[in-house]
């Protein structure tokens, strides 16, 4: 079973260890950030496609033939 469609790395400027999360929809990331007790210390968030999901056979990319 593949993971979620997206991955995010959340880095903090206060020394908190980076948080790595997988999620299905971009709105799920918003919900995770809002629940994060360290959200006021976020330095940056990097969002990338989850390669284990995009390489799964059931994934279709309408932009490629």
Protein backbone atom coordinates (compact mmCIF):
# COMPACT_ATOMS: atom_id res chain seq x y z
CA UNK A 1 0.00 0.00 0.00
CA UNK A 2 1.54 3.33 -1.03
CA UNK A 3 1.76 6.30 1.32
CA UNK A 4 -0.06 9.59 1.02
CA UNK A 5 0.23 11.82 -2.08
CA UNK A 6 2.28 14.60 -0.46
CA UNK A 7 5.09 14.98 2.06
CA UNK A 8 6.09 18.03 4.07
CA UNK A 9 9.09 18.90 6.16
CA UNK A 10 8.43 21.55 8.78
CA UNK A 11 11.52 23.23 10.22
CA UNK A 12 11.51 25.43 13.30
CA UNK A 13 13.78 28.29 14.31
CA UNK A 14 13.60 27.50 18.05
CA UNK A 15 15.55 24.23 18.02
CA UNK A 16 12.51 21.92 17.86
CA UNK A 17 13.30 18.79 15.81
CA UNK A 18 11.97 18.92 12.23
CA UNK A 19 8.56 17.37 11.67
CA UNK A 20 8.01 15.09 8.67
CA UNK A 21 4.41 14.40 7.67
CA UNK A 22 2.56 12.71 4.80
CA UNK A 23 -0.88 13.83 3.73
CA UNK A 24 -3.44 13.27 1.02
CA UNK A 25 -4.77 16.79 0.37
CA UNK A 26 -3.10 20.18 0.72
CA UNK A 27 -5.85 21.19 3.15
CA UNK A 28 -4.67 18.36 5.43
CA UNK A 29 -1.34 20.17 5.75
CA UNK A 30 -3.16 23.30 6.90
CA UNK A 31 -4.95 21.30 9.59
CA UNK A 32 -1.67 19.77 10.80
CA UNK A 33 0.02 23.17 11.00
CA UNK A 34 -2.90 24.70 12.91
CA UNK A 35 -2.76 21.85 15.49
CA UNK A 36 1.03 22.13 15.87
CA UNK A 37 1.83 23.59 19.32
CA UNK A 38 5.07 25.03 17.84
CA UNK A 39 3.38 26.72 14.85
CA UNK A 40 4.61 30.17 15.92
CA UNK A 41 8.20 28.90 15.66
CA UNK A 42 7.95 27.58 12.09
CA UNK A 43 10.84 28.76 9.97
CA UNK A 44 9.72 27.13 6.71
CA UNK A 45 7.68 24.29 5.24
CA UNK A 46 8.81 22.31 2.20
CA UNK A 47 6.10 20.37 0.35
CA UNK A 48 6.99 17.70 -2.21
CA UNK A 49 5.16 14.92 -4.03
CA UNK A 50 5.54 11.61 -2.23
CA UNK A 51 7.59 9.62 -4.75
CA UNK A 52 6.50 6.27 -3.32
CA UNK A 53 2.92 7.27 -4.15
CA UNK A 54 3.60 8.79 -7.58
CA UNK A 55 5.59 5.72 -8.65
CA UNK A 56 2.74 3.38 -7.72
CA UNK A 57 1.03 1.76 -10.73
CA UNK A 58 -2.43 3.12 -9.89
CA UNK A 59 -1.22 6.72 -10.21
CA UNK A 60 -2.01 8.39 -13.51
CA UNK A 61 -0.50 11.62 -14.70
CA UNK A 62 -2.83 13.26 -17.22
CA UNK A 63 0.03 15.44 -18.50
CA UNK A 64 2.08 12.47 -19.74
CA UNK A 65 1.24 9.81 -22.25
